[in-house]
PDB file of N, CA and C in Angstrom:
ATOM      1  N   MET A   1      30.115 -57.555 -70.564  1.00  0.00           N
ATOM      2  CA  MET A   1      29.012 -57.088 -71.355  1.00  0.00           C
ATOM      3  C   MET A   1      28.862 -55.587 -71.152  1.00  0.00           C
ATOM      4  N   THR A   2      28.762 -54.837 -72.234  1.00  0.00           N
ATOM      5  CA  THR A   2      28.638 -53.384 -72.146  1.00  0.00           C
ATOM      6  C   THR A   2      27.174 -52.997 -72.050  1.00  0.00           C
ATOM      7  N   ARG A   3      26.938 -51.960 -71.320  1.00  0.00           N
ATOM      8  CA  ARG A   3      25.574 -51.458 -71.145  1.00  0.00           C
ATOM      9  C   ARG A   3      25.322 -50.324 -72.117  1.00  0.00           C
ATOM     10  N   LYS A   4      24.064 -50.211 -72.548  1.00  0.00           N
ATOM     11  CA  LYS A   4      23.680 -49.096 -73.401  1.00  0.00           C
ATOM     12  C   LYS A   4      23.624 -47.831 -72.563  1.00  0.00           C
ATOM     13  N   PRO A   5      23.957 -46.693 -73.162  1.00  0.00           N
ATOM     14  CA  PRO A   5      23.840 -45.447 -72.396  1.00  0.00           C
ATOM     15  C   PRO A   5      22.377 -45.169 -72.066  1.00  0.00           C
ATOM     16  N   VAL A   6      22.172 -44.595 -70.880  1.00  0.00           N
ATOM     17  CA  VAL A   6      20.821 -44.293 -70.426  1.00  0.00           C
ATOM     18  C   VAL A   6      20.205 -43.183 -71.272  1.00  0.00           C
ATOM     19  N   LEU A   7      20.959 -42.156 -71.594  1.00  0.00           N
ATOM     20  CA  LEU A   7      20.481 -41.044 -72.405  1.00  0.00           C
ATOM     21  C   LEU A   7      21.196 -41.032 -73.740  1.00  0.00           C
ATOM     22  N   ALA A   8      20.444 -40.695 -74.775  1.00  0.00           N
ATOM     23  CA  ALA A   8      21.064 -40.564 -76.087  1.00  0.00           C
ATOM     24  C   ALA A   8      21.997 -39.367 -76.083  1.00  0.00           C
ATOM     25  N   VAL A   9      23.066 -39.457 -76.842  1.00  0.00           N
ATOM     26  CA  VAL A   9      24.055 -38.388 -76.881  1.00  0.00           C
ATOM     27  C   VAL A   9      23.461 -37.124 -77.482  1.00  0.00           C
ATOM     28  N   ASP A  10      22.585 -37.255 -78.445  1.00  0.00           N
ATOM     29  CA  ASP A  10      22.037 -36.085 -79.117  1.00  0.00           C
ATOM     30  C   ASP A  10      20.774 -35.534 -78.457  1.00  0.00           C
ATOM     31  N   LEU A  11      20.441 -35.992 -77.271  1.00  0.00           N
ATOM     32  CA  LEU A  11      19.252 -35.515 -76.566  1.00  0.00           C
ATOM     33  C   LEU A  11      19.483 -34.087 -76.108  1.00  0.00           C
ATOM     34  N   ASP A  12      18.561 -33.200 -76.449  1.00  0.00           N
ATOM     35  CA  ASP A  12      18.709 -31.775 -76.133  1.00  0.00           C
ATOM     36  C   ASP A  12      18.053 -31.490 -74.785  1.00  0.00           C
ATOM     37  N   LEU A  13      18.847 -31.468 -73.732  1.00  0.00           N
ATOM     38  CA  LEU A  13      18.345 -31.188 -72.391  1.00  0.00           C
ATOM     39  C   LEU A  13      18.637 -29.739 -72.017  1.00  0.00           C
ATOM     40  N   PRO A  14      17.784 -29.130 -71.200  1.00  0.00           N
ATOM     41  CA  PRO A  14      18.062 -27.755 -70.776  1.00  0.00           C
ATOM     42  C   PRO A  14      19.282 -27.711 -69.856  1.00  0.00           C
ATOM     43  N   ASP A  15      19.918 -26.535 -69.801  1.00  0.00           N
ATOM     44  CA  ASP A  15      21.106 -26.377 -68.959  1.00  0.00           C
ATOM     45  C   ASP A  15      20.750 -26.406 -67.474  1.00  0.00           C
ATOM     46  N   GLU A  16      19.612 -25.818 -67.113  1.00  0.00           N
ATOM     47  CA  GLU A  16      19.217 -25.811 -65.709  1.00  0.00           C
ATOM     48  C   GLU A  16      18.540 -27.145 -65.374  1.00  0.00           C
ATOM     49  N   PRO A  17      18.609 -27.557 -64.122  1.00  0.00           N
ATOM     50  CA  PRO A  17      17.995 -28.841 -63.751  1.00  0.00           C
ATOM     51  C   PRO A  17      16.471 -28.761 -63.845  1.00  0.00           C
ATOM     52  N   LEU A  18      15.848 -29.884 -64.158  1.00  0.00           N
ATOM     53  CA  LEU A  18      14.395 -29.955 -64.244  1.00  0.00           C
ATOM     54  C   LEU A  18      13.790 -29.877 -62.848  1.00  0.00           C
ATOM     55  N   PRO A  19      12.607 -29.279 -62.707  1.00  0.00           N
ATOM     56  CA  PRO A  19      11.990 -29.194 -61.378  1.00  0.00           C
ATOM     57  C   PRO A  19      11.628 -30.585 -60.868  1.00  0.00           C
ATOM     58  N   ARG A  20      11.770 -30.759 -59.589  1.00  0.00           N
ATOM     59  CA  ARG A  20      11.454 -32.033 -58.959  1.00  0.00           C
ATOM     60  C   ARG A  20      10.016 -32.004 -58.428  1.00  0.00           C
ATOM     61  N   ALA A  21       9.367 -33.139 -58.493  1.00  0.00           N
ATOM     62  CA  ALA A  21       8.024 -33.260 -57.931  1.00  0.00           C
ATOM     63  C   ALA A  21       8.116 -33.325 -56.417  1.00  0.00           C
ATOM     64  N   ILE A  22       7.178 -32.644 -55.763  1.00  0.00           N
ATOM     65  CA  ILE A  22       7.126 -32.658 -54.303  1.00  0.00           C
ATOM     66  C   ILE A  22       6.025 -33.629 -53.892  1.00  0.00           C
ATOM     67  N   PRO A  23       6.357 -34.633 -53.099  1.00  0.00           N
ATOM     68  CA  PRO A  23       5.327 -35.604 -52.703  1.00  0.00           C
ATOM     69  C   PRO A  23       4.152 -34.914 -52.004  1.00  0.00           C
ATOM     70  N   GLY A  24       2.956 -35.304 -52.390  1.00  0.00           N
ATOM     71  CA  GLY A  24       1.746 -34.758 -51.784  1.00  0.00           C
ATOM     72  C   GLY A  24       1.272 -33.452 -52.391  1.00  0.00           C
ATOM     73  N   GLN A  25       1.992 -32.893 -53.351  1.00  0.00           N
ATOM     74  CA  GLN A  25       1.624 -31.608 -53.932  1.00  0.00           C
ATOM     75  C   GLN A  25       0.911 -31.735 -55.274  1.00  0.00           C
ATOM     76  N   ALA A  26       0.836 -32.932 -55.828  1.00  0.00           N
ATOM     77  CA  ALA A  26       0.191 -33.117 -57.123  1.00  0.00           C
ATOM     78  C   ALA A  26      -1.320 -32.968 -56.989  1.00  0.00           C
ATOM     79  N   LYS A  27      -1.932 -32.421 -58.014  1.00  0.00           N
ATOM     80  CA  LYS A  27      -3.381 -32.272 -58.037  1.00  0.00           C
ATOM     81  C   LYS A  27      -3.959 -33.412 -58.870  1.00  0.00           C
ATOM     82  N   PRO A  28      -5.054 -34.010 -58.402  1.00  0.00           N
ATOM     83  CA  PRO A  28      -5.646 -35.094 -59.186  1.00  0.00           C
ATOM     84  C   PRO A  28      -6.231 -34.548 -60.488  1.00  0.00           C
ATOM     85  N   PRO A  29      -6.271 -35.358 -61.539  1.00  0.00           N
ATOM     86  CA  PRO A  29      -6.876 -34.883 -62.785  1.00  0.00           C
ATOM     87  C   PRO A  29      -8.367 -34.659 -62.605  1.00  0.00           C
ATOM     88  N   LEU A  30      -8.917 -33.784 -63.434  1.00  0.00           N
ATOM     89  CA  LEU A  30     -10.352 -33.520 -63.376  1.00  0.00           C
ATOM     90  C   LEU A  30     -11.116 -34.774 -63.774  1.00  0.00           C
ATOM     91  N   ALA A  31     -12.244 -34.987 -63.145  1.00  0.00           N
ATOM     92  CA  ALA A  31     -13.108 -36.093 -63.519  1.00  0.00           C
ATOM     93  C   ALA A  31     -13.699 -35.805 -64.896  1.00  0.00           C
ATOM     94  N   PHE A  32     -14.148 -36.859 -65.572  1.00  0.00           N
ATOM     95  CA  PHE A  32     -14.668 -36.696 -66.929  1.00  0.00           C
ATOM     96  C   PHE A  32     -15.789 -35.666 -66.982  1.00  0.00           C
ATOM     97  N   HIS A  33     -16.692 -35.710 -66.005  1.00  0.00           N
ATOM     98  CA  HIS A  33     -17.827 -34.791 -66.036  1.00  0.00           C
ATOM     99  C   HIS A  33     -17.436 -33.365 -65.658  1.00  0.00           C
ATOM    100  N   GLU A  34     -16.201 -33.151 -65.175  1.00  0.00           N
ATOM    101  CA  GLU A  34     -15.749 -31.808 -64.818  1.00  0.00           C
ATOM    102  C   GLU A  34     -14.887 -31.181 -65.906  1.00  0.00           C
ATOM    103  N   THR A  35     -14.507 -31.940 -66.922  1.00  0.00           N
ATOM    104  CA  THR A  35     -13.658 -31.398 -67.973  1.00  0.00           C
ATOM    105  C   THR A  35     -14.459 -30.415 -68.817  1.00  0.00           C
ATOM    106  N   PRO A  36     -13.817 -29.356 -69.276  1.00  0.00           N
ATOM    107  CA  PRO A  36     -14.539 -28.372 -70.075  1.00  0.00           C
ATOM    108  C   PRO A  36     -15.003 -28.985 -71.397  1.00  0.00           C
ATOM    109  N   VAL A  37     -16.185 -28.606 -71.811  1.00  0.00           N
ATOM    110  CA  VAL A  37     -16.720 -29.099 -73.075  1.00  0.00           C
ATOM    111  C   VAL A  37     -16.212 -28.190 -74.180  1.00  0.00           C
ATOM    112  N   ARG A  38     -15.484 -28.763 -75.121  1.00  0.00           N
ATOM    113  CA  ARG A  38     -14.877 -27.963 -76.183  1.00  0.00           C
ATOM    114  C   ARG A  38     -15.764 -27.816 -77.403  1.00  0.00           C
ATOM    115  N   PHE A  39     -16.765 -28.672 -77.551  1.00  0.00           N
ATOM    116  CA  PHE A  39     -17.540 -28.665 -78.771  1.00  0.00           C
ATOM    117  C   PHE A  39     -18.908 -28.015 -78.612  1.00  0.00           C
ATOM    118  N   ALA A  40     -19.207 -27.454 -77.465  1.00  0.00           N
ATOM    119  CA  ALA A  40     -20.546 -26.912 -77.219  1.00  0.00           C
ATOM    120  C   ALA A  40     -20.854 -25.711 -78.109  1.00  0.00           C
ATOM    121  N   ALA A  41     -19.856 -24.920 -78.455  1.00  0.00           N
ATOM    122  CA  ALA A  41     -20.113 -23.699 -79.202  1.00  0.00           C
ATOM    123  C   ALA A  41     -20.031 -23.908 -80.708  1.00  0.00           C
ATOM    124  N   ALA A  42     -19.828 -25.130 -81.160  1.00  0.00           N
ATOM    125  CA  ALA A  42     -19.678 -25.379 -82.585  1.00  0.00           C
ATOM    126  C   ALA A  42     -21.003 -25.867 -83.174  1.00  0.00           C
ATOM    127  N   PRO A  43     -21.823 -24.954 -83.692  1.00  0.00           N
ATOM    128  CA  PRO A  43     -23.126 -25.361 -84.199  1.00  0.00           C
ATOM    129  C   PRO A  43     -23.046 -26.163 -85.488  1.00  0.00           C
ATOM    130  N   SER A  44     -21.901 -26.126 -86.183  1.00  0.00           N
ATOM    131  CA  SER A  44     -21.801 -26.825 -87.452  1.00  0.00           C
ATOM    132  C   SER A  44     -21.663 -28.335 -87.275  1.00  0.00           C
ATOM    133  N   LEU A  45     -21.357 -28.791 -86.062  1.00  0.00           N
ATOM    134  CA  LEU A  45     -21.222 -30.217 -85.836  1.00  0.00           C
ATOM    135  C   LEU A  45     -22.594 -30.876 -85.784  1.00  0.00           C
ATOM    136  N   GLY A  46     -22.645 -32.137 -86.159  1.00  0.00           N
ATOM    137  CA  GLY A  46     -23.892 -32.886 -86.094  1.00  0.00           C
ATOM    138  C   GLY A  46     -24.169 -33.343 -84.676  1.00  0.00           C
ATOM    139  N   VAL A  47     -25.302 -34.015 -84.505  1.00  0.00           N
ATOM    140  CA  VAL A  47     -25.693 -34.477 -83.175  1.00  0.00           C
ATOM    141  C   VAL A  47     -24.664 -35.447 -82.617  1.00  0.00           C
ATOM    142  N   LYS A  48     -24.211 -36.397 -83.425  1.00  0.00           N
ATOM    143  CA  LYS A  48     -23.261 -37.390 -82.930  1.00  0.00           C
ATOM    144  C   LYS A  48     -21.917 -36.771 -82.559  1.00  0.00           C
ATOM    145  N   GLU A  49     -21.501 -35.736 -83.284  1.00  0.00           N
ATOM    146  CA  GLU A  49     -20.219 -35.101 -82.998  1.00  0.00           C
ATOM    147  C   GLU A  49     -20.291 -34.113 -81.830  1.00  0.00           C
ATOM    148  N   SER A  50     -21.477 -33.632 -81.499  1.00  0.00           N
ATOM    149  CA  SER A  50     -21.590 -32.609 -80.459  1.00  0.00           C
ATOM    150  C   SER A  50     -22.284 -33.106 -79.196  1.00  0.00           C
ATOM    151  N   THR A  51     -22.509 -34.420 -79.086  1.00  0.00           N
ATOM    152  CA  THR A  51     -23.140 -34.966 -77.893  1.00  0.00           C
ATOM    153  C   THR A  51     -22.341 -36.159 -77.388  1.00  0.00           C
ATOM    154  N   ILE A  52     -22.687 -36.620 -76.222  1.00  0.00           N
ATOM    155  CA  ILE A  52     -22.041 -37.779 -75.623  1.00  0.00           C
ATOM    156  C   ILE A  52     -23.105 -38.854 -75.440  1.00  0.00           C
ATOM    157  N   ALA A  53     -22.835 -40.040 -75.958  1.00  0.00           N
ATOM    158  CA  ALA A  53     -23.782 -41.142 -75.830  1.00  0.00           C
ATOM    159  C   ALA A  53     -23.747 -41.674 -74.395  1.00  0.00           C
ATOM    160  N   THR A  54     -24.910 -42.013 -73.876  1.00  0.00           N
ATOM    161  CA  THR A  54     -25.030 -42.575 -72.536  1.00  0.00           C
ATOM    162  C   THR A  54     -25.751 -43.905 -72.637  1.00  0.00           C
ATOM    163  N   THR A  55     -25.194 -44.913 -72.002  1.00  0.00           N
ATOM    164  CA  THR A  55     -25.786 -46.241 -72.023  1.00  0.00           C
ATOM    165  C   THR A  55     -26.286 -46.591 -70.637  1.00  0.00           C
ATOM    166  N   PHE A  56     -27.469 -47.188 -70.573  1.00  0.00           N
ATOM    167  CA  PHE A  56     -27.956 -47.726 -69.312  1.00  0.00           C
ATOM    168  C   PHE A  56     -28.617 -49.056 -69.625  1.00  0.00           C
ATOM    169  N   TYR A  57     -28.725 -49.884 -68.627  1.00  0.00           N
ATOM    170  CA  TYR A  57     -29.215 -51.239 -68.819  1.00  0.00           C
ATOM    171  C   TYR A  57     -30.564 -51.427 -68.152  1.00  0.00           C
ATOM    172  N   LEU A  58     -31.476 -52.082 -68.867  1.00  0.00           N
ATOM    173  CA  LEU A  58     -32.794 -52.419 -68.352  1.00  0.00           C
ATOM    174  C   LEU A  58     -32.994 -53.920 -68.482  1.00  0.00           C
ATOM    175  N   LEU A  59     -33.779 -54.452 -67.582  1.00  0.00           N
ATOM    176  CA  LEU A  59     -34.195 -55.838 -67.735  1.00  0.00           C
ATOM    177  C   LEU A  59     -35.160 -55.921 -68.912  1.00  0.00           C
ATOM    178  N   PRO A  60     -35.254 -57.082 -69.548  1.00  0.00           N
ATOM    179  CA  PRO A  60     -36.094 -57.185 -70.754  1.00  0.00           C
ATOM    180  C   PRO A  60     -37.537 -56.719 -70.559  1.00  0.00           C
ATOM    181  N   ASP A  61     -38.157 -57.040 -69.430  1.00  0.00           N
ATOM    182  CA  ASP A  61     -39.543 -56.604 -69.204  1.00  0.00           C
ATOM    183  C   ASP A  61     -39.649 -55.086 -69.134  1.00  0.00           C
ATOM    184  N   ASP A  62     -38.694 -54.446 -68.445  1.00  0.00           N
ATOM    185  CA  ASP A  62     -38.717 -52.984 -68.355  1.00  0.00           C
ATOM    186  C   ASP A  62     -38.446 -52.349 -69.714  1.00  0.00           C
ATOM    187  N   HIS A  63     -37.570 -52.950 -70.499  1.00  0.00           N
ATOM    188  CA  HIS A  63     -37.274 -52.436 -71.830  1.00  0.00           C
ATOM    189  C   HIS A  63     -38.522 -52.499 -72.710  1.00  0.00           C
ATOM    190  N   ARG A  64     -39.245 -53.618 -72.638  1.00  0.00           N
ATOM    191  CA  ARG A  64     -40.489 -53.745 -73.398  1.00  0.00           C
ATOM    192  C   ARG A  64     -41.514 -52.695 -72.960  1.00  0.00           C
ATOM    193  N   ARG A  65     -41.601 -52.470 -71.649  1.00  0.00           N
ATOM    194  CA  ARG A  65     -42.544 -51.471 -71.137  1.00  0.00           C
ATOM    195  C   ARG A  65     -42.193 -50.077 -71.645  1.00  0.00           C
ATOM    196  N   LEU A  66     -40.907 -49.754 -71.668  1.00  0.00           N
ATOM    197  CA  LEU A  66     -40.472 -48.447 -72.171  1.00  0.00           C
ATOM    198  C   LEU A  66     -40.802 -48.312 -73.651  1.00  0.00           C
ATOM    199  N   ARG A  67     -40.507 -49.333 -74.438  1.00  0.00           N
ATOM    200  CA  ARG A  67     -40.788 -49.281 -75.871  1.00  0.00           C
ATOM    201  C   ARG A  67     -42.294 -49.200 -76.139  1.00  0.00           C
ATOM    202  N   ARG A  68     -43.080 -49.940 -75.348  1.00  0.00           N
ATOM    203  CA  ARG A  68     -44.532 -49.920 -75.514  1.00  0.00           C
ATOM    204  C   ARG A  68     -45.080 -48.527 -75.171  1.00  0.00           C
ATOM    205  N   LEU A  69     -44.580 -47.936 -74.088  1.00  0.00           N
ATOM    206  CA  LEU A  69     -45.025 -46.591 -73.701  1.00  0.00           C
ATOM    207  C   LEU A  69     -44.676 -45.581 -74.791  1.00  0.00           C
ATOM    208  N   ALA A  70     -43.470 -45.714 -75.338  1.00  0.00           N
ATOM    209  CA  ALA A  70     -43.063 -44.810 -76.420  1.00  0.00           C
ATOM    210  C   ALA A  70     -43.959 -44.986 -77.638  1.00  0.00           C
ATOM    211  N   ALA A  71     -44.271 -46.236 -77.976  1.00  0.00           N
ATOM    212  CA  ALA A  71     -45.141 -46.492 -79.131  1.00  0.00           C
ATOM    213  C   ALA A  71     -46.545 -45.952 -78.885  1.00  0.00           C
ATOM    214  N   ASP A  72     -47.048 -46.120 -77.667  1.00  0.00           N
ATOM    215  CA  ASP A  72     -48.381 -45.616 -77.348  1.00  0.00           C
ATOM    216  C   ASP A  72     -48.455 -44.096 -77.460  1.00  0.00           C
ATOM    217  N   ARG A  73     -47.360 -43.439 -77.097  1.00  0.00           N
ATOM    218  CA  ARG A  73     -47.324 -41.970 -77.168  1.00  0.00           C
ATOM    219  C   ARG A  73     -46.896 -41.463 -78.534  1.00  0.00           C
ATOM    220  N   GLY A  74     -46.397 -42.353 -79.374  1.00  0.00           N
ATOM    221  CA  GLY A  74     -45.962 -41.950 -80.714  1.00  0.00           C
ATOM    222  C   GLY A  74     -44.653 -41.184 -80.712  1.00  0.00           C
ATOM    223  N   VAL A  75     -43.780 -41.476 -79.752  1.00  0.00           N
ATOM    224  CA  VAL A  75     -42.484 -40.805 -79.673  1.00  0.00           C
ATOM    225  C   VAL A  75     -41.397 -41.878 -79.550  1.00  0.00           C
ATOM    226  N   ALA A  76     -40.148 -41.457 -79.639  1.00  0.00           N
ATOM    227  CA  ALA A  76     -39.023 -42.372 -79.453  1.00  0.00           C
ATOM    228  C   ALA A  76     -38.817 -42.617 -77.956  1.00  0.00           C
ATOM    229  N   ALA A  77     -38.232 -43.763 -77.636  1.00  0.00           N
ATOM    230  CA  ALA A  77     -37.933 -44.076 -76.235  1.00  0.00           C
ATOM    231  C   ALA A  77     -36.978 -43.038 -75.653  1.00  0.00           C
ATOM    232  N   GLN A  78     -36.092 -42.500 -76.483  1.00  0.00           N
ATOM    233  CA  GLN A  78     -35.172 -41.468 -76.010  1.00  0.00           C
ATOM    234  C   GLN A  78     -35.929 -40.239 -75.527  1.00  0.00           C
ATOM    235  N   GLN A  79     -37.009 -39.890 -76.209  1.00  0.00           N
ATOM    236  CA  GLN A  79     -37.802 -38.732 -75.787  1.00  0.00           C
ATOM    237  C   GLN A  79     -38.405 -38.957 -74.409  1.00  0.00           C
ATOM    238  N   ILE A  80     -38.847 -40.172 -74.142  1.00  0.00           N
ATOM    239  CA  ILE A  80     -39.396 -40.490 -72.821  1.00  0.00           C
ATOM    240  C   ILE A  80     -38.296 -40.346 -71.766  1.00  0.00           C
ATOM    241  N   MET A  81     -37.090 -40.814 -72.081  1.00  0.00           N
ATOM    242  CA  MET A  81     -35.980 -40.706 -71.138  1.00  0.00           C
ATOM    243  C   MET A  81     -35.587 -39.243 -70.919  1.00  0.00           C
ATOM    244  N   MET A  82     -35.606 -38.439 -71.977  1.00  0.00           N
ATOM    245  CA  MET A  82     -35.284 -37.013 -71.837  1.00  0.00           C
ATOM    246  C   MET A  82     -36.325 -36.324 -70.948  1.00  0.00           C
ATOM    247  N   ASP A  83     -37.599 -36.680 -71.118  1.00  0.00           N
ATOM    248  CA  ASP A  83     -38.657 -36.117 -70.274  1.00  0.00           C
ATOM    249  C   ASP A  83     -38.466 -36.535 -68.817  1.00  0.00           C
ATOM    250  N   ALA A  84     -38.048 -37.790 -68.613  1.00  0.00           N
ATOM    251  CA  ALA A  84     -37.787 -38.266 -67.254  1.00  0.00           C
ATOM    252  C   ALA A  84     -36.626 -37.500 -66.630  1.00  0.00           C
ATOM    253  N   LEU A  85     -35.582 -37.221 -67.423  1.00  0.00           N
ATOM    254  CA  LEU A  85     -34.462 -36.430 -66.907  1.00  0.00           C
ATOM    255  C   LEU A  85     -34.906 -35.009 -66.578  1.00  0.00           C
ATOM    256  N   ASP A  86     -35.777 -34.445 -67.399  1.00  0.00           N
ATOM    257  CA  ASP A  86     -36.316 -33.107 -67.095  1.00  0.00           C
ATOM    258  C   ASP A  86     -37.004 -33.102 -65.735  1.00  0.00           C
ATOM    259  N   THR A  87     -37.801 -34.130 -65.467  1.00  0.00           N
ATOM    260  CA  THR A  87     -38.498 -34.233 -64.181  1.00  0.00           C
ATOM    261  C   THR A  87     -37.505 -34.358 -63.037  1.00  0.00           C
ATOM    262  N   LEU A  88     -36.485 -35.186 -63.224  1.00  0.00           N
ATOM    263  CA  LEU A  88     -35.457 -35.363 -62.199  1.00  0.00           C
ATOM    264  C   LEU A  88     -34.704 -34.059 -61.938  1.00  0.00           C
ATOM    265  N   PHE A  89     -34.301 -33.375 -63.007  1.00  0.00           N
ATOM    266  CA  PHE A  89     -33.581 -32.112 -62.842  1.00  0.00           C
ATOM    267  C   PHE A  89     -34.467 -31.047 -62.191  1.00  0.00           C
ATOM    268  N   ALA A  90     -35.734 -31.006 -62.572  1.00  0.00           N
ATOM    269  CA  ALA A  90     -36.652 -30.020 -61.984  1.00  0.00           C
ATOM    270  C   ALA A  90     -36.799 -30.244 -60.484  1.00  0.00           C
ATOM    271  N   SER A  91     -36.817 -31.510 -60.051  1.00  0.00           N
ATOM    272  CA  SER A  91     -36.940 -31.777 -58.617  1.00  0.00           C
ATOM    273  C   SER A  91     -35.688 -31.362 -57.856  1.00  0.00           C
ATOM    274  N   ALA A  92     -34.562 -31.250 -58.573  1.00  0.00           N
ATOM    275  CA  ALA A  92     -33.312 -30.814 -57.948  1.00  0.00           C
ATOM    276  C   ALA A  92     -33.064 -29.326 -58.169  1.00  0.00           C
ATOM    277  N   GLY A  93     -34.035 -28.620 -58.782  1.00  0.00           N
ATOM    278  CA  GLY A  93     -33.876 -27.189 -59.025  1.00  0.00           C
ATOM    279  C   GLY A  93     -32.955 -26.872 -60.183  1.00  0.00           C
ATOM    280  N   GLU A  94     -32.745 -27.807 -61.072  1.00  0.00           N
ATOM    281  CA  GLU A  94     -31.864 -27.627 -62.228  1.00  0.00           C
ATOM    282  C   GLU A  94     -32.691 -27.346 -63.476  1.00  0.00           C
ATOM    283  N   PRO A  95     -32.084 -26.711 -64.476  1.00  0.00           N
ATOM    284  CA  PRO A  95     -32.822 -26.479 -65.735  1.00  0.00           C
ATOM    285  C   PRO A  95     -33.002 -27.788 -66.504  1.00  0.00           C
ATOM    286  N   PRO A  96     -33.958 -27.825 -67.432  1.00  0.00           N
ATOM    287  CA  PRO A  96     -34.188 -29.058 -68.192  1.00  0.00           C
ATOM    288  C   PRO A  96     -33.028 -29.372 -69.134  1.00  0.00           C
ATOM    289  N   VAL A  97     -33.053 -30.574 -69.675  1.00  0.00           N
ATOM    290  CA  VAL A  97     -32.042 -31.024 -70.626  1.00  0.00           C
ATOM    291  C   VAL A  97     -32.134 -30.162 -71.879  1.00  0.00           C
ATOM    292  N   THR A  98     -30.987 -29.757 -72.406  1.00  0.00           N
ATOM    293  CA  THR A  98     -30.957 -28.975 -73.633  1.00  0.00           C
ATOM    294  C   THR A  98     -31.314 -29.874 -74.804  1.00  0.00           C
ATOM    295  N   ARG A  99     -32.277 -29.473 -75.602  1.00  0.00           N
ATOM    296  CA  ARG A  99     -32.710 -30.262 -76.752  1.00  0.00           C
ATOM    297  C   ARG A  99     -32.019 -29.744 -78.018  1.00  0.00           C
ATOM    298  N   TRP A 100     -31.964 -30.564 -79.030  1.00  0.00           N
ATOM    299  CA  TRP A 100     -31.463 -30.173 -80.332  1.00  0.00           C
ATOM    300  C   TRP A 100     -32.529 -30.482 -81.359  1.00  0.00           C
ATOM    301  N   GLU A 101     -32.393 -29.874 -82.526  1.00  0.00           N
ATOM    302  CA  GLU A 101     -33.359 -30.122 -83.600  1.00  0.00           C
ATOM    303  C   GLU A 101     -33.168 -31.534 -84.108  1.00  0.00           C
ATOM    304  N   THR A 102     -34.228 -32.263 -84.170  1.00  0.00           N
ATOM    305  CA  THR A 102     -34.153 -33.623 -84.680  1.00  0.00           C
ATOM    306  C   THR A 102     -34.210 -33.627 -86.195  1.00  0.00           C
ATOM    307  N   ARG A 103     -33.552 -34.595 -86.796  1.00  0.00           N
ATOM    308  CA  ARG A 103     -33.596 -34.728 -88.245  1.00  0.00           C
ATOM    309  C   ARG A 103     -34.783 -35.580 -88.680  1.00  0.00           C
ATOM    310  N   ARG A 104     -35.398 -36.257 -87.726  1.00  0.00           N
ATOM    311  CA  ARG A 104     -36.525 -37.123 -88.048  1.00  0.00           C
ATOM    312  C   ARG A 104     -37.817 -36.342 -88.154  1.00  0.00           C
ATOM    313  N   ARG A 105     -38.716 -36.887 -88.941  1.00  0.00           N
ATOM    314  CA  ARG A 105     -40.049 -36.306 -89.018  1.00  0.00           C
ATOM    315  C   ARG A 105     -40.799 -36.650 -87.736  1.00  0.00           C
ATOM    316  N   GLN A 106     -41.679 -35.787 -87.312  1.00  0.00           N
ATOM    317  CA  GLN A 106     -42.508 -36.083 -86.149  1.00  0.00           C
ATOM    318  C   GLN A 106     -43.455 -37.214 -86.490  1.00  0.00           C
ATOM    319  N   ARG A 107     -43.666 -38.099 -85.546  1.00  0.00           N
ATOM    320  CA  ARG A 107     -44.581 -39.247 -85.787  1.00  0.00           C
ATOM    321  C   ARG A 107     -46.010 -38.836 -85.589  1.00  0.00           C
TER     322      ARG A 107
END
């Protein structure tokens, strides 16, 4: 039984040998939160295209409490969460969350 060639005949390889990896010298990839944001300077993008969605889970009773608090204040639940993040960041000496113009009418 004949074996297939490992490399195609028409493969264009450089004349000099390829560099070899040195064990222990590789750098780990950047974590997601450390990668540079490429879309921050593009004001023409919409909210969905220029932001990252974040999901968190609440038990049903806590979810109802959050929705009720938002309804009592006449704001969206997201606004309450953004305000909570502002408080958290302020306690850590960080600036508040950057807001964007909403397309919705104020309630």
